[in-house]
Amino acid sequence: MKNIFIFILVAVFVIISNSVFTVDEREYALKFRFGEIIQSDYEPGIHFKFPFVNNVNKYPKRILTINNPQELFLTAEKKNLFVDFFIKWRIANTTDYYRSTGGDELVAAQRLLENVKDGLRSEFAKRTVVEVVSKERRELMSGMLTDAASNARNLGIELVDVRVKRIELSDDVSESVYNRMRQERARIASELRAEGSEEATVIRAEADRARTEILANANRDSQIIRGEGDATAANVYATAYNEDREFYSFYRSIQAYKASIGTSNDILVLDSEGDFFKYLNDQNAE
């Protein structure tokens, strides 16, 4: 009797445990009836099912990552590039996800990876090496994501992001790319130097013109001022001469003495009776 009771308790426990399931907030759940999906929109919490009739599969809600190792891609010039990238994705529709992949995460990841690779190959094939490794990286990823995301939705998957971690040139491409980039930079530098030289020539010519104009104006003004000064001086001399001719003659003689014998190393030989010593000899002159 006791064994029967224990058997019944075990049977009840098994039935109850197979009738209840929980859904975590980080999970999606699908309920099946003999392999047919009958419900998918479960909220987090405790839910019930018929034992041995229904079964439940659970799938992660979190964002998943696929890290792809280095792989060769061909550019428009048929050059090989080693590309290392990763994919961020998550399940968006559990029903479509199960029907397209059987609910197998590895199968889903592989199919998504192939979609992304096809998109990258297509975008790389449209661009040269220089365009890929420099200015058009954002455009490349944008074009690839549009097509890959559309294909991923058919799998019940949302493609969150694809990022290229590294692009390495193969040995046969590296030197030619670097040479081309050096030539491009040299061309730009040459253009900048030519523009700078042209601008310097214009500035220098303008400065020379302004200098010539300033000097000409200054010389003209100085000549005018000098002429006015000479005229004033001549007028003053004439007035002074007319006021006292004798004093003016004396003053001019003194200036001549100073200019002629005012230095210590000069020797001047003159006739003492000459006009030059007129005022020196005439000590009584007033």
C-alpha atoms as a PDB file:
ATOM      1  CA  MET A   1       0.000   0.000   0.000  1.00  0.00           C
ATOM      2  CA  LYS A   2       2.797   2.315   0.928  1.00  0.00           C
ATOM      3  CA  ASN A   3       4.562   1.653  -2.378  1.00  0.00           C
ATOM      4  CA  ILE A   4       1.389   2.453  -4.311  1.00  0.00           C
ATOM      5  CA  PHE A   5       1.058   5.765  -2.467  1.00  0.00           C
ATOM      6  CA  ILE A   6       4.640   6.676  -3.241  1.00  0.00           C
ATOM      7  CA  PHE A   7       4.092   5.747  -6.881  1.00  0.00           C
ATOM      8  CA  ILE A   8       1.012   7.972  -7.041  1.00  0.00           C
ATOM      9  CA  LEU A   9       2.920  10.889  -5.484  1.00  0.00           C
ATOM     10  CA  VAL A  10       5.746  10.482  -7.965  1.00  0.00           C
ATOM     11  CA  ALA A  11       3.283  10.309 -10.850  1.00  0.00           C
ATOM     12  CA  VAL A  12       1.485  13.434  -9.633  1.00  0.00           C
ATOM     13  CA  PHE A  13       4.804  15.280  -9.274  1.00  0.00           C
ATOM     14  CA  VAL A  14       5.861  14.272 -12.797  1.00  0.00           C
ATOM     15  CA  ILE A  15       2.506  15.350 -14.237  1.00  0.00           C
ATOM     16  CA  ILE A  16       2.600  18.707 -12.400  1.00  0.00           C
ATOM     17  CA  SER A  17       6.240  19.369 -13.336  1.00  0.00           C
ATOM     18  CA  ASN A  18       5.394  18.644 -16.962  1.00  0.00           C
ATOM     19  CA  SER A  19       2.346  20.900 -16.785  1.00  0.00           C
ATOM     20  CA  VAL A  20       4.146  24.046 -15.586  1.00  0.00           C
ATOM     21  CA  PHE A  21       6.922  26.049 -17.208  1.00  0.00           C
ATOM     22  CA  THR A  22       8.422  29.470 -16.540  1.00  0.00           C
ATOM     23  CA  VAL A  23       9.522  32.142 -18.963  1.00  0.00           C
ATOM     24  CA  ASP A  24      12.339  34.480 -17.956  1.00  0.00           C
ATOM     25  CA  GLU A  25      12.342  38.125 -19.081  1.00  0.00           C
ATOM     26  CA  ARG A  26      15.499  37.301 -21.062  1.00  0.00           C
ATOM     27  CA  GLU A  27      13.798  34.517 -23.006  1.00  0.00           C
ATOM     28  CA  TYR A  28      11.300  33.861 -25.754  1.00  0.00           C
ATOM     29  CA  ALA A  29       9.129  30.713 -25.566  1.00  0.00           C
ATOM     30  CA  LEU A  30       7.313  28.625 -28.184  1.00  0.00           C
ATOM     31  CA  LYS A  31       4.654  26.078 -27.233  1.00  0.00           C
ATOM     32  CA  PHE A  32       4.126  23.111 -29.528  1.00  0.00           C
ATOM     33  CA  ARG A  33       1.407  20.475 -29.838  1.00  0.00           C
ATOM     34  CA  PHE A  34       2.758  17.372 -31.480  1.00  0.00           C
ATOM     35  CA  GLY A  35       5.378  19.475 -33.277  1.00  0.00           C
ATOM     36  CA  GLU A  36       2.981  22.258 -34.348  1.00  0.00           C
ATOM     37  CA  ILE A  37       3.468  25.802 -32.998  1.00  0.00           C
ATOM     38  CA  ILE A  38       0.348  26.867 -31.126  1.00  0.00           C
ATOM     39  CA  GLN A  39       1.553  29.885 -29.105  1.00  0.00           C
ATOM     40  CA  SER A  40       4.550  32.211 -29.063  1.00  0.00           C
ATOM     41  CA  ASP A  41       3.634  35.463 -27.331  1.00  0.00           C
ATOM     42  CA  TYR A  42       4.487  34.556 -23.726  1.00  0.00           C
ATOM     43  CA  GLU A  43       5.089  37.157 -21.069  1.00  0.00           C
ATOM     44  CA  PRO A  44       7.664  36.487 -18.313  1.00  0.00           C
ATOM     45  CA  GLY A  45       6.191  34.337 -15.526  1.00  0.00           C
ATOM     46  CA  ILE A  46       4.615  30.907 -14.874  1.00  0.00           C
ATOM     47  CA  HIS A  47       2.597  29.214 -17.612  1.00  0.00           C
ATOM     48  CA  PHE A  48       0.845  25.853 -18.103  1.00  0.00           C
ATOM     49  CA  LYS A  49       0.768  23.132 -20.720  1.00  0.00           C
ATOM     50  CA  PHE A  50      -0.655  19.657 -21.208  1.00  0.00           C
ATOM     51  CA  PRO A  51       1.937  17.069 -20.255  1.00  0.00           C
ATOM     52  CA  PHE A  52       3.061  14.726 -23.006  1.00  0.00           C
ATOM     53  CA  VAL A  53       0.949  16.708 -25.512  1.00  0.00           C
ATOM     54  CA  ASN A  54       2.676  20.069 -25.424  1.00  0.00           C
ATOM     55  CA  ASN A  55       6.367  20.871 -25.336  1.00  0.00           C
ATOM     56  CA  VAL A  56       8.082  24.250 -24.965  1.00  0.00           C
ATOM     57  CA  ASN A  57      11.288  25.566 -26.554  1.00  0.00           C
ATOM     58  CA  LYS A  58      13.031  28.658 -25.238  1.00  0.00           C
ATOM     59  CA  TYR A  59      15.293  31.087 -27.112  1.00  0.00           C
ATOM     60  CA  PRO A  60      17.435  34.008 -25.881  1.00  0.00           C
ATOM     61  CA  LYS A  61      16.159  37.582 -26.079  1.00  0.00           C
ATOM     62  CA  ARG A  62      19.610  39.153 -25.674  1.00  0.00           C
ATOM     63  CA  ILE A  63      21.799  40.477 -28.469  1.00  0.00           C
ATOM     64  CA  LEU A  64      24.063  37.763 -29.815  1.00  0.00           C
ATOM     65  CA  THR A  65      27.491  38.143 -31.418  1.00  0.00           C
ATOM     66  CA  ILE A  66      29.160  36.393 -34.335  1.00  0.00           C
ATOM     67  CA  ASN A  67      32.913  36.955 -34.608  1.00  0.00           C
ATOM     68  CA  ASN A  68      34.167  36.136 -38.062  1.00  0.00           C
ATOM     69  CA  PRO A  69      37.883  35.435 -38.497  1.00  0.00           C
ATOM     70  CA  GLN A  70      39.928  37.075 -41.239  1.00  0.00           C
ATOM     71  CA  GLU A  71      38.616  36.350 -44.691  1.00  0.00           C
ATOM     72  CA  LEU A  72      39.653  37.389 -48.204  1.00  0.00           C
ATOM     73  CA  PHE A  73      37.505  39.853 -50.178  1.00  0.00           C
ATOM     74  CA  LEU A  74      38.145  41.085 -53.713  1.00  0.00           C
ATOM     75  CA  THR A  75      37.990  44.765 -54.644  1.00  0.00           C
ATOM     76  CA  ALA A  76      37.001  46.260 -57.993  1.00  0.00           C
ATOM     77  CA  GLU A  77      40.684  46.020 -59.000  1.00  0.00           C
ATOM     78  CA  LYS A  78      40.720  42.276 -58.205  1.00  0.00           C
ATOM     79  CA  LYS A  79      42.991  42.893 -55.226  1.00  0.00           C
ATOM     80  CA  ASN A  80      42.786  40.728 -52.109  1.00  0.00           C
ATOM     81  CA  LEU A  81      41.998  42.263 -48.736  1.00  0.00           C
ATOM     82  CA  PHE A  82      41.913  40.442 -45.404  1.00  0.00           C
ATOM     83  CA  VAL A  83      38.769  41.600 -43.567  1.00  0.00           C
ATOM     84  CA  ASP A  84      37.974  40.883 -39.914  1.00  0.00           C
ATOM     85  CA  PHE A  85      34.424  41.752 -38.788  1.00  0.00           C
ATOM     86  CA  PHE A  86      31.724  40.907 -36.237  1.00  0.00           C
ATOM     87  CA  ILE A  87      27.902  40.802 -36.335  1.00  0.00           C
ATOM     88  CA  LYS A  88      25.394  41.793 -33.660  1.00  0.00           C
ATOM     89  CA  TRP A  89      21.952  40.168 -33.996  1.00  0.00           C
ATOM     90  CA  ARG A  90      18.907  39.005 -32.047  1.00  0.00           C
ATOM     91  CA  ILE A  91      15.730  37.018 -32.553  1.00  0.00           C
ATOM     92  CA  ALA A  92      12.873  39.267 -33.657  1.00  0.00           C
ATOM     93  CA  ASN A  93      10.120  36.756 -34.521  1.00  0.00           C
ATOM     94  CA  THR A  94      10.316  33.393 -32.798  1.00  0.00           C
ATOM     95  CA  THR A  95       7.845  31.694 -35.140  1.00  0.00           C
ATOM     96  CA  ASP A  96       9.725  32.687 -38.315  1.00  0.00           C
ATOM     97  CA  TYR A  97      13.009  31.942 -36.562  1.00  0.00           C
ATOM     98  CA  TYR A  98      11.932  28.378 -35.741  1.00  0.00           C
ATOM     99  CA  ARG A  99      10.439  27.711 -39.164  1.00  0.00           C
ATOM    100  CA  SER A 100      13.508  28.966 -41.041  1.00  0.00           C
ATOM    101  CA  THR A 101      16.260  27.577 -38.816  1.00  0.00           C
ATOM    102  CA  GLY A 102      14.583  24.864 -36.734  1.00  0.00           C
ATOM    103  CA  GLY A 103      15.388  26.945 -33.656  1.00  0.00           C
ATOM    104  CA  ASP A 104      19.070  26.064 -33.954  1.00  0.00           C
ATOM    105  CA  GLU A 105      21.252  29.057 -33.041  1.00  0.00           C
ATOM    106  CA  LEU A 106      24.246  27.678 -34.965  1.00  0.00           C
ATOM    107  CA  VAL A 107      22.159  27.270 -38.130  1.00  0.00           C
ATOM    108  CA  ALA A 108      20.771  30.802 -37.748  1.00  0.00           C
ATOM    109  CA  ALA A 109      24.234  32.263 -37.158  1.00  0.00           C
ATOM    110  CA  GLN A 110      25.637  30.488 -40.196  1.00  0.00           C
ATOM    111  CA  ARG A 111      22.851  31.626 -42.509  1.00  0.00           C
ATOM    112  CA  LEU A 112      23.093  35.201 -41.227  1.00  0.00           C
ATOM    113  CA  LEU A 113      26.867  35.146 -41.627  1.00  0.00           C
ATOM    114  CA  GLU A 114      26.544  34.036 -45.247  1.00  0.00           C
ATOM    115  CA  ASN A 115      24.072  36.850 -45.926  1.00  0.00           C
ATOM    116  CA  VAL A 116      26.466  39.422 -44.470  1.00  0.00           C
ATOM    117  CA  LYS A 117      29.432  37.999 -46.357  1.00  0.00           C
ATOM    118  CA  ASP A 118      27.501  38.185 -49.633  1.00  0.00           C
ATOM    119  CA  GLY A 119      26.666  41.828 -48.902  1.00  0.00           C
ATOM    120  CA  LEU A 120      30.273  42.678 -48.052  1.00  0.00           C
ATOM    121  CA  ARG A 121      31.594  40.942 -51.158  1.00  0.00           C
ATOM    122  CA  SER A 122      29.164  42.912 -53.292  1.00  0.00           C
ATOM    123  CA  GLU A 123      30.141  46.247 -51.712  1.00  0.00           C
ATOM    124  CA  PHE A 124      33.882  45.530 -51.816  1.00  0.00           C
ATOM    125  CA  ALA A 125      33.611  44.562 -55.479  1.00  0.00           C
ATOM    126  CA  LYS A 126      32.241  48.041 -56.291  1.00  0.00           C
ATOM    127  CA  ARG A 127      35.184  49.917 -54.748  1.00  0.00           C
ATOM    128  CA  THR A 128      38.910  50.284 -55.168  1.00  0.00           C
ATOM    129  CA  VAL A 129      41.389  49.500 -52.413  1.00  0.00           C
ATOM    130  CA  VAL A 130      41.920  53.181 -51.600  1.00  0.00           C
ATOM    131  CA  GLU A 131      38.172  53.775 -51.334  1.00  0.00           C
ATOM    132  CA  VAL A 132      37.704  50.751 -49.074  1.00  0.00           C
ATOM    133  CA  VAL A 133      40.482  51.592 -46.619  1.00  0.00           C
ATOM    134  CA  SER A 134      39.857  55.325 -46.425  1.00  0.00           C
ATOM    135  CA  LYS A 135      36.941  57.602 -47.151  1.00  0.00           C
ATOM    136  CA  GLU A 136      34.070  55.281 -48.152  1.00  0.00           C
ATOM    137  CA  ARG A 137      33.974  52.868 -45.186  1.00  0.00           C
ATOM    138  CA  ARG A 138      30.689  54.290 -43.878  1.00  0.00           C
ATOM    139  CA  GLU A 139      28.989  54.148 -47.289  1.00  0.00           C
ATOM    140  CA  LEU A 140      30.197  50.571 -47.741  1.00  0.00           C
ATOM    141  CA  MET A 141      28.692  49.417 -44.439  1.00  0.00           C
ATOM    142  CA  SER A 142      25.451  51.314 -45.007  1.00  0.00           C
ATOM    143  CA  GLY A 143      24.823  49.687 -48.392  1.00  0.00           C
ATOM    144  CA  MET A 144      25.635  46.223 -47.096  1.00  0.00           C
ATOM    145  CA  LEU A 145      23.427  46.557 -43.996  1.00  0.00           C
ATOM    146  CA  THR A 146      20.350  47.487 -46.019  1.00  0.00           C
ATOM    147  CA  ASP A 147      20.350  44.264 -48.058  1.00  0.00           C
ATOM    148  CA  ALA A 148      21.561  41.979 -45.256  1.00  0.00           C
ATOM    149  CA  ALA A 149      18.960  43.305 -42.797  1.00  0.00           C
ATOM    150  CA  SER A 150      16.180  42.632 -45.314  1.00  0.00           C
ATOM    151  CA  ASN A 151      17.336  39.032 -45.766  1.00  0.00           C
ATOM    152  CA  ALA A 152      17.698  38.572 -42.006  1.00  0.00           C
ATOM    153  CA  ARG A 153      14.058  39.533 -41.423  1.00  0.00           C
ATOM    154  CA  ASN A 154      13.033  36.524 -43.514  1.00  0.00           C
ATOM    155  CA  LEU A 155      14.788  34.386 -40.902  1.00  0.00           C
ATOM    156  CA  GLY A 156      12.950  36.050 -38.033  1.00  0.00           C
ATOM    157  CA  ILE A 157      16.193  37.810 -37.101  1.00  0.00           C
ATOM    158  CA  GLU A 158      16.987  41.481 -36.530  1.00  0.00           C
ATOM    159  CA  LEU A 159      20.440  42.480 -37.750  1.00  0.00           C
ATOM    160  CA  VAL A 160      21.564  45.011 -35.142  1.00  0.00           C
ATOM    161  CA  ASP A 161      24.989  45.963 -36.492  1.00  0.00           C
ATOM    162  CA  VAL A 162      27.965  44.852 -38.525  1.00  0.00           C
ATOM    163  CA  ARG A 163      31.376  46.338 -37.826  1.00  0.00           C
ATOM    164  CA  VAL A 164      34.642  45.848 -39.644  1.00  0.00           C
ATOM    165  CA  LYS A 165      37.335  45.544 -37.002  1.00  0.00           C
ATOM    166  CA  ARG A 166      40.321  45.463 -39.281  1.00  0.00           C
ATOM    167  CA  ILE A 167      41.257  45.549 -42.947  1.00  0.00           C
ATOM    168  CA  GLU A 168      44.695  44.298 -43.879  1.00  0.00           C
ATOM    169  CA  LEU A 169      46.276  44.447 -47.273  1.00  0.00           C
ATOM    170  CA  SER A 170      47.830  41.330 -48.713  1.00  0.00           C
ATOM    171  CA  ASP A 171      51.546  41.569 -49.459  1.00  0.00           C
ATOM    172  CA  ASP A 172      51.024  41.961 -53.200  1.00  0.00           C
ATOM    173  CA  VAL A 173      48.684  44.918 -52.658  1.00  0.00           C
ATOM    174  CA  SER A 174      50.324  46.823 -49.802  1.00  0.00           C
ATOM    175  CA  GLU A 175      53.172  48.429 -51.717  1.00  0.00           C
ATOM    176  CA  SER A 176      51.054  49.502 -54.701  1.00  0.00           C
ATOM    177  CA  VAL A 177      48.419  51.030 -52.405  1.00  0.00           C
ATOM    178  CA  TYR A 178      50.998  52.902 -50.367  1.00  0.00           C
ATOM    179  CA  ASN A 179      52.645  54.203 -53.536  1.00  0.00           C
ATOM    180  CA  ARG A 180      49.315  55.397 -54.874  1.00  0.00           C
ATOM    181  CA  MET A 181      48.470  57.101 -51.591  1.00  0.00           C
ATOM    182  CA  ARG A 182      51.917  58.733 -51.482  1.00  0.00           C
ATOM    183  CA  GLN A 183      51.452  59.992 -55.050  1.00  0.00           C
ATOM    184  CA  GLU A 184      48.035  61.377 -54.160  1.00  0.00           C
ATOM    185  CA  ARG A 185      49.408  63.156 -51.097  1.00  0.00           C
ATOM    186  CA  ALA A 186      52.336  64.479 -53.141  1.00  0.00           C
ATOM    187  CA  ARG A 187      49.918  65.820 -55.764  1.00  0.00           C
ATOM    188  CA  ILE A 188      47.828  67.567 -53.109  1.00  0.00           C
ATOM    189  CA  ALA A 189      50.957  68.986 -51.475  1.00  0.00           C
ATOM    190  CA  SER A 190      52.178  70.271 -54.854  1.00  0.00           C
ATOM    191  CA  GLU A 191      48.830  71.947 -55.509  1.00  0.00           C
ATOM    192  CA  LEU A 192      48.870  73.566 -52.077  1.00  0.00           C
ATOM    193  CA  ARG A 193      52.447  74.818 -52.596  1.00  0.00           C
ATOM    194  CA  ALA A 194      51.514  76.233 -56.011  1.00  0.00           C
ATOM    195  CA  GLU A 195      48.477  78.002 -54.566  1.00  0.00           C
ATOM    196  CA  GLY A 196      50.596  79.330 -51.701  1.00  0.00           C
ATOM    197  CA  SER A 197      53.297  80.570 -54.107  1.00  0.00           C
ATOM    198  CA  GLU A 198      50.687  82.309 -56.244  1.00  0.00           C
ATOM    199  CA  GLU A 199      49.139  83.945 -53.202  1.00  0.00           C
ATOM    200  CA  ALA A 200      52.594  84.994 -51.943  1.00  0.00           C
ATOM    201  CA  THR A 201      53.400  86.569 -55.322  1.00  0.00           C
ATOM    202  CA  VAL A 202      50.145  88.537 -55.279  1.00  0.00           C
ATOM    203  CA  ILE A 203      50.752  89.700 -51.695  1.00  0.00           C
ATOM    204  CA  ARG A 204      54.381  90.614 -52.463  1.00  0.00           C
ATOM    205  CA  ALA A 205      53.381  92.568 -55.583  1.00  0.00           C
ATOM    206  CA  GLU A 206      50.708  94.416 -53.632  1.00  0.00           C
ATOM    207  CA  ALA A 207      53.202  95.200 -50.865  1.00  0.00           C
ATOM    208  CA  ASP A 208      55.787  96.458 -53.404  1.00  0.00           C
ATOM    209  CA  ARG A 209      53.174  98.618 -55.081  1.00  0.00           C
ATOM    210  CA  ALA A 210      52.064 100.058 -51.748  1.00  0.00           C
ATOM    211  CA  ARG A 211      55.708 100.658 -50.739  1.00  0.00           C
ATOM    212  CA  THR A 212      56.467 102.432 -54.014  1.00  0.00           C
ATOM    213  CA  GLU A 213      53.362 104.575 -53.644  1.00  0.00           C
ATOM    214  CA  ILE A 214      54.169 105.445 -50.024  1.00  0.00           C
ATOM    215  CA  LEU A 215      57.777 106.357 -50.883  1.00  0.00           C
ATOM    216  CA  ALA A 216      56.660 108.437 -53.858  1.00  0.00           C
ATOM    217  CA  ASN A 217      54.144 110.315 -51.741  1.00  0.00           C
ATOM    218  CA  ALA A 218      56.687 110.800 -48.960  1.00  0.00           C
ATOM    219  CA  ASN A 219      59.322 112.045 -51.420  1.00  0.00           C
ATOM    220  CA  ARG A 220      56.805 114.425 -52.983  1.00  0.00           C
ATOM    221  CA  ASP A 221      55.779 115.756 -49.577  1.00  0.00           C
ATOM    222  CA  SER A 222      59.430 116.099 -48.498  1.00  0.00           C
ATOM    223  CA  GLN A 223      60.262 118.047 -51.668  1.00  0.00           C
ATOM    224  CA  ILE A 224      57.306 120.326 -51.073  1.00  0.00           C
ATOM    225  CA  ILE A 225      58.294 120.863 -47.432  1.00  0.00           C
ATOM    226  CA  ARG A 226      61.970 121.365 -48.356  1.00  0.00           C
ATOM    227  CA  GLY A 227      60.985 123.852 -51.045  1.00  0.00           C
ATOM    228  CA  GLU A 228      58.752 125.727 -48.653  1.00  0.00           C
ATOM    229  CA  GLY A 229      61.570 125.694 -46.060  1.00  0.00           C
ATOM    230  CA  ASP A 230      64.119 126.933 -48.580  1.00  0.00           C
ATOM    231  CA  ALA A 231      61.759 129.672 -49.664  1.00  0.00           C
ATOM    232  CA  THR A 232      61.191 130.699 -46.066  1.00  0.00           C
ATOM    233  CA  ALA A 233      64.928 130.594 -45.326  1.00  0.00           C
ATOM    234  CA  ALA A 234      65.700 132.649 -48.419  1.00  0.00           C
ATOM    235  CA  ASN A 235      63.069 135.134 -47.385  1.00  0.00           C
ATOM    236  CA  VAL A 236      64.512 135.323 -43.872  1.00  0.00           C
ATOM    237  CA  TYR A 237      68.040 135.747 -45.245  1.00  0.00           C
ATOM    238  CA  ALA A 238      66.905 138.469 -47.619  1.00  0.00           C
ATOM    239  CA  THR A 239      65.054 140.284 -44.893  1.00  0.00           C
ATOM    240  CA  ALA A 240      68.027 140.018 -42.530  1.00  0.00           C
ATOM    241  CA  TYR A 241      70.428 141.217 -45.222  1.00  0.00           C
ATOM    242  CA  ASN A 242      68.272 144.229 -45.986  1.00  0.00           C
ATOM    243  CA  GLU A 243      67.949 145.064 -42.281  1.00  0.00           C
ATOM    244  CA  ASP A 244      71.735 145.105 -41.568  1.00  0.00           C
ATOM    245  CA  ARG A 245      73.958 144.252 -44.467  1.00  0.00           C
ATOM    246  CA  GLU A 246      77.153 144.717 -42.507  1.00  0.00           C
ATOM    247  CA  PHE A 247      76.068 142.300 -39.743  1.00  0.00           C
ATOM    248  CA  TYR A 248      74.921 139.789 -42.299  1.00  0.00           C
ATOM    249  CA  SER A 249      78.316 139.921 -43.973  1.00  0.00           C
ATOM    250  CA  PHE A 250      79.973 139.466 -40.588  1.00  0.00           C
ATOM    251  CA  TYR A 251      77.746 136.472 -39.772  1.00  0.00           C
ATOM    252  CA  ARG A 252      78.460 134.804 -43.094  1.00  0.00           C
ATOM    253  CA  SER A 253      82.193 135.350 -42.562  1.00  0.00           C
ATOM    254  CA  ILE A 254      82.045 133.727 -39.148  1.00  0.00           C
ATOM    255  CA  GLN A 255      80.238 130.737 -40.660  1.00  0.00           C
ATOM    256  CA  ALA A 256      82.948 130.521 -43.310  1.00  0.00           C
ATOM    257  CA  TYR A 257      85.676 130.618 -40.644  1.00  0.00           C
ATOM    258  CA  LYS A 258      83.970 127.825 -38.765  1.00  0.00           C
ATOM    259  CA  ALA A 259      83.568 125.650 -41.849  1.00  0.00           C
ATOM    260  CA  SER A 260      87.170 126.264 -43.018  1.00  0.00           C
ATOM    261  CA  ILE A 261      89.358 126.138 -39.946  1.00  0.00           C
ATOM    262  CA  GLY A 262      87.117 124.483 -37.415  1.00  0.00           C
ATOM    263  CA  THR A 263      88.861 121.083 -37.449  1.00  0.00           C
ATOM    264  CA  SER A 264      92.156 120.266 -35.702  1.00  0.00           C
ATOM    265  CA  ASN A 265      93.781 118.400 -38.553  1.00  0.00           C
ATOM    266  CA  ASP A 266      93.156 120.937 -41.321  1.00  0.00           C
ATOM    267  CA  ILE A 267      95.915 123.261 -42.631  1.00  0.00           C
ATOM    268  CA  LEU A 268      94.825 126.425 -44.465  1.00  0.00           C
ATOM    269  CA  VAL A 269      97.378 128.769 -46.044  1.00  0.00           C
ATOM    270  CA  LEU A 270      95.961 132.222 -46.906  1.00  0.00           C
ATOM    271  CA  ASP A 271      97.144 135.768 -47.451  1.00  0.00           C
ATOM    272  CA  SER A 272      96.621 137.686 -44.223  1.00  0.00           C
ATOM    273  CA  GLU A 273      95.740 140.754 -46.262  1.00  0.00           C
ATOM    274  CA  GLY A 274      93.027 138.965 -48.161  1.00  0.00           C
ATOM    275  CA  ASP A 275      89.297 139.553 -47.869  1.00  0.00           C
ATOM    276  CA  PHE A 276      88.885 136.323 -45.919  1.00  0.00           C
ATOM    277  CA  PHE A 277      90.472 137.908 -42.814  1.00  0.00           C
ATOM    278  CA  LYS A 278      88.726 141.178 -43.202  1.00  0.00           C
ATOM    279  CA  TYR A 279      86.934 141.075 -39.837  1.00  0.00           C
ATOM    280  CA  LEU A 280      89.824 139.427 -38.016  1.00  0.00           C
ATOM    281  CA  ASN A 281      92.217 142.188 -39.020  1.00  0.00           C
ATOM    282  CA  ASP A 282      89.737 144.941 -38.346  1.00  0.00           C
ATOM    283  CA  GLN A 283      89.554 144.568 -34.559  1.00  0.00           C
ATOM    284  CA  ASN A 284      87.889 147.907 -34.179  1.00  0.00           C
ATOM    285  CA  ALA A 285      85.022 147.079 -36.470  1.00  0.00           C
ATOM    286  CA  GLU A 286      81.595 147.357 -34.899  1.00  0.00           C
END
